[in-house]
């Protein structure tokens, strides 16, 4: 049978439209991430569809749904919506084994497919802190370990001490037996200090499956240490006749026993005026005999410690006498000045007298320089005439 040219042209046009329509049909999917135990929604859409069937299949290539018909007997898988433009299903109570690549197929010629990867997050278990023994003695080394299992991907562990993050820690990641999840641990290593007593050490686990709500384990530290002792005085300038109160402050764990007061290495010499009440030493009617070194000693089962206070009782009368000018000091200074002045005058007089005598003696030497004997006699006679004028008295 021979087709007319017009009919043949219409046939080719119809085929072209069918082919073009088929080429414009593409299934569209998106990757999905879900927390273990949650529900995953898989959606496949087709913008242009001429009543072509859609199908979802799992990573094992088992058909889950063909249009609105369920193909796999799994009560966790349900149909959400089925139409010519969309096929949506849900998988509840998702487990780690459900992770993988799911395929949406559009049964055109040829069949077109689109892949959607289902990622299942493993939720980390509640962390636990191990390695703590109570109490801990000051100076001992502490190693606290925080551990959590079942995370996928591996969780992050951070340490805090009283809400302040501690950076210098060790981190270890190990793959679990199922080869899907991880066990992570972190160790905090430090020396016990009295300032850490009562501090809260916390281990925090962060993971994307926790929706910004981290899991936290806490441990309160108990540190035992020797007493720290300090004496506080009620009077900074004690005077005779006054009273003074010395308070011995001691801090330690366990709480120190009642303190022991001593003076100069022995017992308090006057119990009637020196009264001890707990940590307080009261001394009334102070006098010079109270001067000395007072020691306060505190102890607990860990050890003992002490501190000292030097008491100096002042004379109020001596203090008042020092308020006016010191006449004795002024008199001493005047005497020294007068003595230095007299010495200077005497030395100056001796100096002038010595230089004047030298000058006259040199004048008398003229006879020794005469050229002959007659001239020398004449010079000598002239010298004798003026001898009375040039007479020198030496001291």
Protein backbone atom coordinates (compact mmCIF):
# COMPACT_ATOMS: atom_id res chain seq x y z
CA UNK A 1 0.00 0.00 0.00
CA UNK A 2 1.31 3.34 -0.99
CA UNK A 3 0.64 6.36 1.21
CA UNK A 4 -0.13 9.68 -0.26
CA UNK A 5 2.52 12.33 0.22
CA UNK A 6 0.19 14.38 2.49
CA UNK A 7 -0.64 11.40 4.72
CA UNK A 8 3.04 10.46 4.98
CA UNK A 9 3.86 13.95 6.06
CA UNK A 10 1.23 13.89 8.76
CA UNK A 11 2.56 10.50 10.00
CA UNK A 12 6.08 11.82 10.35
CA UNK A 13 4.82 14.90 12.18
CA UNK A 14 2.87 12.76 14.66
CA UNK A 15 5.93 10.62 15.34
CA UNK A 16 8.02 13.74 15.90
CA UNK A 17 5.53 15.10 18.43
CA UNK A 18 5.49 11.79 20.33
CA UNK A 19 9.27 11.62 20.38
CA UNK A 20 9.59 15.25 21.44
CA UNK A 21 7.03 14.76 24.21
CA UNK A 22 8.83 11.70 25.44
CA UNK A 23 12.14 13.57 25.49
CA UNK A 24 10.56 16.35 27.59
CA UNK A 25 9.53 13.91 30.36
CA UNK A 26 12.15 13.66 33.15
CA UNK A 27 11.62 12.45 36.73
CA UNK A 28 12.96 14.80 39.41
CA UNK A 29 14.09 13.67 42.90
CA UNK A 30 16.09 15.04 45.87
CA UNK A 31 18.49 13.49 48.34
CA UNK A 32 17.08 12.96 51.83
CA UNK A 33 18.75 12.95 55.26
CA UNK A 34 16.94 11.49 58.25
CA UNK A 35 17.81 10.59 61.84
CA UNK A 36 17.76 6.91 62.75
CA UNK A 37 14.27 6.04 63.95
CA UNK A 38 12.70 8.93 62.04
CA UNK A 39 10.59 9.03 58.86
CA UNK A 40 11.96 9.59 55.36
CA UNK A 41 9.78 11.07 52.58
CA UNK A 42 10.77 10.21 49.00
CA UNK A 43 9.16 12.28 46.25
CA UNK A 44 9.41 11.86 42.48
CA UNK A 45 7.89 14.53 40.19
CA UNK A 46 7.37 14.79 36.45
CA UNK A 47 6.40 18.16 34.95
CA UNK A 48 5.22 16.70 31.61
CA UNK A 49 3.66 13.26 31.69
CA UNK A 50 1.33 11.63 29.14
CA UNK A 51 -0.06 9.06 31.57
CA UNK A 52 3.27 7.22 31.88
CA UNK A 53 3.75 5.09 35.02
CA UNK A 54 6.13 5.96 37.88
CA UNK A 55 7.94 3.54 40.14
CA UNK A 56 10.07 3.68 43.33
CA UNK A 57 12.68 1.00 44.05
CA UNK A 58 15.10 0.55 46.98
CA UNK A 59 18.94 0.16 46.91
CA UNK A 60 18.45 -3.59 46.40
CA UNK A 61 16.40 -2.76 43.23
CA UNK A 62 13.24 -4.09 44.87
CA UNK A 63 10.11 -2.29 43.70
CA UNK A 64 8.42 -0.43 46.53
CA UNK A 65 5.53 1.20 44.66
CA UNK A 66 4.40 1.05 41.03
CA UNK A 67 2.06 4.01 40.65
CA UNK A 68 -0.36 3.57 43.54
CA UNK A 69 0.23 -0.18 43.89
CA UNK A 70 2.42 -1.44 46.75
CA UNK A 71 4.91 -4.03 45.61
CA UNK A 72 6.97 -4.80 48.74
CA UNK A 73 5.46 -6.11 51.94
CA UNK A 74 6.94 -3.71 54.47
CA UNK A 75 4.58 -2.06 56.92
CA UNK A 76 6.99 0.83 57.33
CA UNK A 77 6.53 1.91 53.69
CA UNK A 78 3.37 3.84 52.85
CA UNK A 79 1.98 5.75 49.90
CA UNK A 80 1.75 9.51 50.40
CA UNK A 81 0.54 10.63 46.94
CA UNK A 82 0.20 9.02 43.50
CA UNK A 83 -0.69 10.89 40.28
CA UNK A 84 0.57 11.22 36.72
CA UNK A 85 2.90 14.01 37.89
CA UNK A 86 4.04 12.74 41.29
CA UNK A 87 4.75 9.58 43.24
CA UNK A 88 5.56 10.15 46.93
CA UNK A 89 6.15 7.47 49.56
CA UNK A 90 7.29 7.46 53.21
CA UNK A 91 9.53 5.09 55.13
CA UNK A 92 9.00 5.19 58.91
CA UNK A 93 11.25 3.97 61.72
CA UNK A 94 14.27 4.28 59.45
CA UNK A 95 17.26 2.14 60.35
CA UNK A 96 20.88 2.33 59.26
CA UNK A 97 20.28 -0.54 56.84
CA UNK A 98 17.80 1.61 54.91
CA UNK A 99 20.57 3.95 53.82
CA UNK A 100 21.42 3.92 50.15
CA UNK A 101 20.41 5.01 46.69
CA UNK A 102 16.70 4.90 45.78
CA UNK A 103 15.52 5.05 42.15
CA UNK A 104 12.47 6.67 40.60
CA UNK A 105 11.68 5.27 37.11
CA UNK A 106 9.50 6.85 34.42
CA UNK A 107 8.43 4.15 31.95
CA UNK A 108 8.92 5.95 28.70
CA UNK A 109 10.77 4.58 25.70
CA UNK A 110 13.50 4.34 26.82
CA UNK A 111 12.90 4.29 30.59
CA UNK A 112 14.15 7.41 32.37
CA UNK A 113 15.40 7.28 35.97
CA UNK A 114 16.41 9.66 38.74
CA UNK A 115 18.42 8.77 41.84
CA UNK A 116 17.84 9.96 45.44
CA UNK A 117 20.34 9.07 48.15
CA UNK A 118 18.92 8.40 51.60
CA UNK A 119 21.38 9.27 54.40
CA UNK A 120 20.64 7.89 57.87
CA UNK A 121 22.27 9.63 60.85
CA UNK A 122 23.26 7.45 63.81
CA UNK A 123 22.33 9.12 67.11
CA UNK A 124 25.14 9.02 69.71
CA UNK A 125 24.35 7.41 73.04
CA UNK A 126 24.30 9.48 76.21
CA UNK A 127 27.94 10.04 77.24
CA UNK A 128 29.43 8.70 80.45
CA UNK A 129 32.41 10.00 82.47
CA UNK A 130 34.71 7.40 84.00
CA UNK A 131 37.98 7.50 85.94
CA UNK A 132 36.82 9.68 88.84
CA UNK A 133 37.40 8.54 92.41
CA UNK A 134 36.21 10.64 95.32
CA UNK A 135 37.83 12.26 97.11
CA UNK A 136 41.04 13.23 95.31
CA UNK A 137 44.06 14.58 97.19
CA UNK A 138 45.56 17.87 96.08
CA UNK A 139 48.47 17.31 93.70
CA UNK A 140 47.25 13.93 92.45
CA UNK A 141 46.84 13.39 88.71
CA UNK A 142 43.29 12.98 87.45
CA UNK A 143 42.31 11.30 84.16
CA UNK A 144 38.63 11.59 83.25
CA UNK A 145 37.35 9.81 80.14
CA UNK A 146 34.12 10.65 78.31
CA UNK A 147 32.75 8.01 75.91
CA UNK A 148 29.79 7.71 73.55
CA UNK A 149 28.84 5.09 70.94
CA UNK A 150 26.51 4.72 67.96
CA UNK A 151 27.16 8.00 66.18
CA UNK A 152 27.19 8.32 62.40
CA UNK A 153 29.18 10.23 61.38
CA UNK A 154 31.52 10.31 64.37
CA UNK A 155 30.38 12.70 67.12
CA UNK A 156 32.44 15.54 68.54
CA UNK A 157 33.33 15.67 72.27
CA UNK A 158 34.19 18.85 74.16
CA UNK A 159 35.22 19.35 77.82
CA UNK A 160 34.20 22.19 80.12
CA UNK A 161 35.20 23.16 83.66
CA UNK A 162 32.69 25.55 85.25
CA UNK A 163 31.41 26.50 81.77
CA UNK A 164 34.93 27.30 80.55
CA UNK A 165 36.08 25.06 77.71
CA UNK A 166 39.25 23.00 78.21
CA UNK A 167 41.20 22.66 74.97
CA UNK A 168 44.15 20.37 75.75
CA UNK A 169 42.44 16.95 75.58
CA UNK A 170 42.94 13.63 73.79
CA UNK A 171 40.43 12.36 71.19
CA UNK A 172 39.96 8.80 69.90
CA UNK A 173 37.57 7.50 67.20
CA UNK A 174 36.85 3.78 66.59
CA UNK A 175 34.54 2.07 64.10
CA UNK A 176 31.81 -0.11 65.62
CA UNK A 177 31.28 -3.76 64.74
CA UNK A 178 28.45 -2.90 62.32
CA UNK A 179 30.98 -0.88 60.30
CA UNK A 180 28.48 1.95 60.06
CA UNK A 181 28.64 3.81 63.39
CA UNK A 182 31.49 5.04 65.59
CA UNK A 183 32.52 5.04 69.23
CA UNK A 184 34.38 8.17 70.25
CA UNK A 185 36.16 8.94 73.53
CA UNK A 186 38.06 11.87 74.95
CA UNK A 187 40.39 12.07 77.98
CA UNK A 188 40.93 15.07 80.24
CA UNK A 189 44.25 14.92 82.12
CA UNK A 190 45.15 17.42 84.90
CA UNK A 191 46.59 17.79 88.42
CA UNK A 192 44.09 18.21 91.23
CA UNK A 193 44.15 21.67 92.79
CA UNK A 194 42.30 23.12 95.79
CA UNK A 195 40.72 25.68 93.48
CA UNK A 196 39.02 22.79 91.64
CA UNK A 197 37.14 21.67 94.73
CA UNK A 198 33.42 21.88 93.96
CA UNK A 199 34.07 22.59 90.28
CA UNK A 200 31.67 21.05 87.75
CA UNK A 201 33.41 19.16 84.94
CA UNK A 202 31.15 18.44 81.98
CA UNK A 203 31.55 16.37 78.85
CA UNK A 204 29.48 17.63 75.89
CA UNK A 205 28.65 15.59 72.79
CA UNK A 206 27.74 17.52 69.64
CA UNK A 207 26.21 15.84 66.59
CA UNK A 208 24.03 16.90 63.66
CA UNK A 209 21.39 14.35 64.65
CA UNK A 210 20.80 16.11 67.98
CA UNK A 211 19.22 19.23 66.44
CA UNK A 212 21.55 21.67 68.24
CA UNK A 213 20.71 20.09 71.63
CA UNK A 214 23.95 18.45 72.83
CA UNK A 215 24.10 15.55 75.23
CA UNK A 216 25.96 16.36 78.46
CA UNK A 217 27.46 14.32 81.28
CA UNK A 218 28.65 16.11 84.45
CA UNK A 219 30.91 15.34 87.39
CA UNK A 220 31.42 17.48 90.52
CA UNK A 221 35.01 17.39 91.77
CA UNK A 222 35.86 16.86 95.43
CA UNK A 223 39.45 17.81 96.29
CA UNK A 224 40.93 17.35 99.77
CA UNK A 225 43.78 19.69 100.80
CA UNK A 226 45.73 20.94 103.83
CA UNK A 227 44.46 24.05 105.66
CA UNK A 228 45.29 27.54 104.49
CA UNK A 229 45.80 29.82 107.55
CA UNK A 230 45.66 33.62 107.93
CA UNK A 231 45.59 35.91 111.02
CA UNK A 232 43.50 39.10 110.99
CA UNK A 233 44.10 41.79 113.65
CA UNK A 234 41.45 44.16 114.94
CA UNK A 235 44.00 46.85 115.90
CA UNK A 236 46.73 48.06 113.57
CA UNK A 237 48.45 50.21 116.28
CA UNK A 238 47.92 48.56 119.66
CA UNK A 239 48.82 50.67 122.71
CA UNK A 240 49.21 49.91 126.37
CA UNK A 241 45.87 49.59 128.15
CA UNK A 242 43.97 48.77 124.97
CA UNK A 243 42.70 45.38 123.80
CA UNK A 244 43.26 43.42 120.59
CA UNK A 245 41.42 40.59 118.85
CA UNK A 246 43.33 38.17 116.61
CA UNK A 247 41.17 36.02 114.33
CA UNK A 248 42.67 32.88 112.78
CA UNK A 249 41.00 32.12 109.46
CA UNK A 250 41.62 28.57 108.28
CA UNK A 251 40.26 26.93 105.15
CA UNK A 252 40.76 23.29 104.26
CA UNK A 253 38.98 20.10 103.30
CA UNK A 254 38.01 18.30 105.43
CA UNK A 255 37.20 21.27 107.65
CA UNK A 256 40.16 21.93 110.01
CA UNK A 257 39.91 21.09 113.68
CA UNK A 258 39.85 23.90 116.32
CA UNK A 259 43.00 25.99 115.96
CA UNK A 260 45.88 26.06 118.47
CA UNK A 261 47.24 29.43 119.70
CA UNK A 262 50.79 29.78 121.09
CA UNK A 263 53.13 32.66 122.03
CA UNK A 264 56.87 32.55 121.34
CA UNK A 265 56.70 28.79 120.89
CA UNK A 266 54.92 28.08 124.19
CA UNK A 267 51.54 28.31 125.82
CA UNK A 268 49.76 31.61 126.33
CA UNK A 269 51.34 33.09 129.52
CA UNK A 270 48.30 34.93 130.91
CA UNK A 271 45.08 32.93 130.42
CA UNK A 272 43.08 35.50 132.38
CA UNK A 273 43.77 38.28 129.87
CA UNK A 274 44.42 36.04 126.85
CA UNK A 275 41.13 34.29 126.10
CA UNK A 276 40.70 31.83 123.21
CA UNK A 277 37.20 31.35 121.83
CA UNK A 278 37.24 28.99 118.85
CA UNK A 279 39.43 30.67 116.25
CA UNK A 280 39.58 34.03 118.08
CA UNK A 281 42.29 35.15 120.55
CA UNK A 282 41.34 38.20 122.67
CA UNK A 283 43.97 40.05 124.73
CA UNK A 284 42.79 42.76 127.14
CA UNK A 285 44.76 45.50 128.99
CA UNK A 286 47.78 45.27 126.75
CA UNK A 287 51.25 45.91 128.20
CA UNK A 288 54.86 45.55 127.12
CA UNK A 289 55.03 41.94 128.33
CA UNK A 290 52.52 40.99 125.62
CA UNK A 291 55.06 41.77 122.90
CA UNK A 292 56.05 38.67 120.97
CA UNK A 293 55.18 36.25 118.15
CA UNK A 294 51.76 34.64 118.24
CA UNK A 295 51.24 31.50 116.16
CA UNK A 296 47.97 30.01 114.93
CA UNK A 297 48.04 26.37 113.80
CA UNK A 298 45.27 24.45 112.04
CA UNK A 299 45.21 20.82 110.97
CA UNK A 300 42.97 18.24 109.30
CA UNK A 301 43.46 14.59 108.28
CA UNK A 302 45.44 15.72 105.21
CA UNK A 303 48.02 17.80 107.08
CA UNK A 304 48.66 20.93 109.14
CA UNK A 305 49.64 24.54 108.49
CA UNK A 306 50.35 27.65 110.58
CA UNK A 307 51.02 31.37 110.38
CA UNK A 308 52.45 34.01 112.73
CA UNK A 309 51.63 37.51 113.94
CA UNK A 310 54.19 39.77 115.64
CA UNK A 311 52.57 41.93 118.33
CA UNK A 312 54.25 45.21 119.34
CA UNK A 313 52.53 47.17 122.12
CA UNK A 314 53.26 50.93 121.90
CA UNK A 315 53.62 53.44 124.74
CA UNK A 316 51.06 56.24 124.23
CA UNK A 317 53.11 58.70 126.37
CA UNK A 318 56.25 58.17 124.31
CA UNK A 319 54.24 58.84 121.21
CA UNK A 320 52.89 62.12 122.67
CA UNK A 321 56.39 63.33 123.65
CA UNK A 322 57.54 62.96 120.07
CA UNK A 323 55.00 65.44 118.81
CA UNK A 324 57.07 68.64 119.82
CA UNK A 325 60.53 69.72 118.55
CA UNK A 326 63.54 67.68 119.70
CA UNK A 327 65.63 70.36 121.59
CA UNK A 328 68.47 67.97 122.30
CA UNK A 329 68.85 67.26 118.60
CA UNK A 330 68.82 70.98 117.75
CA UNK A 331 71.45 71.73 120.45
CA UNK A 332 73.72 69.01 119.13
CA UNK A 333 73.55 70.39 115.62
CA UNK A 334 74.41 73.94 116.86
CA UNK A 335 77.43 72.65 118.82
CA UNK A 336 78.77 70.87 115.77
CA UNK A 337 78.43 74.00 113.64
CA UNK A 338 80.27 76.18 116.23
CA UNK A 339 83.09 73.63 116.54
CA UNK A 340 83.60 73.43 112.78
CA UNK A 341 83.68 77.26 112.55
CA UNK A 342 86.36 77.65 115.26
CA UNK A 343 88.53 74.97 113.66
CA UNK A 344 88.30 76.76 110.32
CA UNK A 345 89.40 80.12 111.85
CA UNK A 346 92.43 78.59 113.59
CA UNK A 347 93.59 76.78 110.43
CA UNK A 348 93.23 79.96 108.36
CA UNK A 349 95.35 81.99 110.86
CA UNK A 350 98.15 79.44 110.81
CA UNK A 351 98.16 79.42 107.03
CA UNK A 352 98.50 83.23 106.74
CA UNK A 353 101.26 83.39 109.37
CA UNK A 354 103.40 80.78 107.59
CA UNK A 355 103.24 82.57 104.22
CA UNK A 356 104.19 86.00 105.72
CA UNK A 357 107.36 84.64 107.42
CA UNK A 358 108.55 83.07 104.17
CA UNK A 359 108.34 86.41 102.38
CA UNK A 360 110.54 88.31 104.99
CA UNK A 361 113.10 85.56 105.12
CA UNK A 362 113.62 85.76 101.35
CA UNK A 363 114.22 89.55 101.63
CA UNK A 364 117.11 88.97 104.09
CA UNK A 365 118.97 86.85 101.57
CA UNK A 366 120.28 89.89 99.62
CA UNK A 367 123.82 89.77 101.22
CA UNK A 368 124.46 86.30 99.84
CA UNK A 369 124.03 87.56 96.29
CA UNK A 370 126.73 90.44 96.48
CA UNK A 371 129.54 90.31 93.84
CA UNK A 372 132.38 91.02 96.36
CA UNK A 373 133.13 91.20 100.10
CA UNK A 374 132.78 95.02 100.43
CA UNK A 375 129.38 94.96 98.83
CA UNK A 376 128.31 92.08 101.05
CA UNK A 377 129.35 94.06 104.21
CA UNK A 378 127.41 97.08 103.03
CA UNK A 379 124.35 94.93 102.28
CA UNK A 380 124.66 93.28 105.66
CA UNK A 381 124.87 96.63 107.48
CA UNK A 382 121.85 97.87 105.60
CA UNK A 383 120.03 94.78 106.62
CA UNK A 384 120.90 95.34 110.29
CA UNK A 385 119.57 98.92 110.11
CA UNK A 386 116.21 97.65 108.95
CA UNK A 387 116.29 94.62 111.21
CA UNK A 388 113.83 96.08 113.66
CA UNK A 389 111.36 96.78 110.85
CA UNK A 390 111.63 93.25 109.48
CA UNK A 391 111.65 91.38 112.78
CA UNK A 392 109.47 88.26 112.45
CA UNK A 393 107.69 86.42 115.19
CA UNK A 394 106.79 82.84 114.53
CA UNK A 395 104.20 80.97 116.43
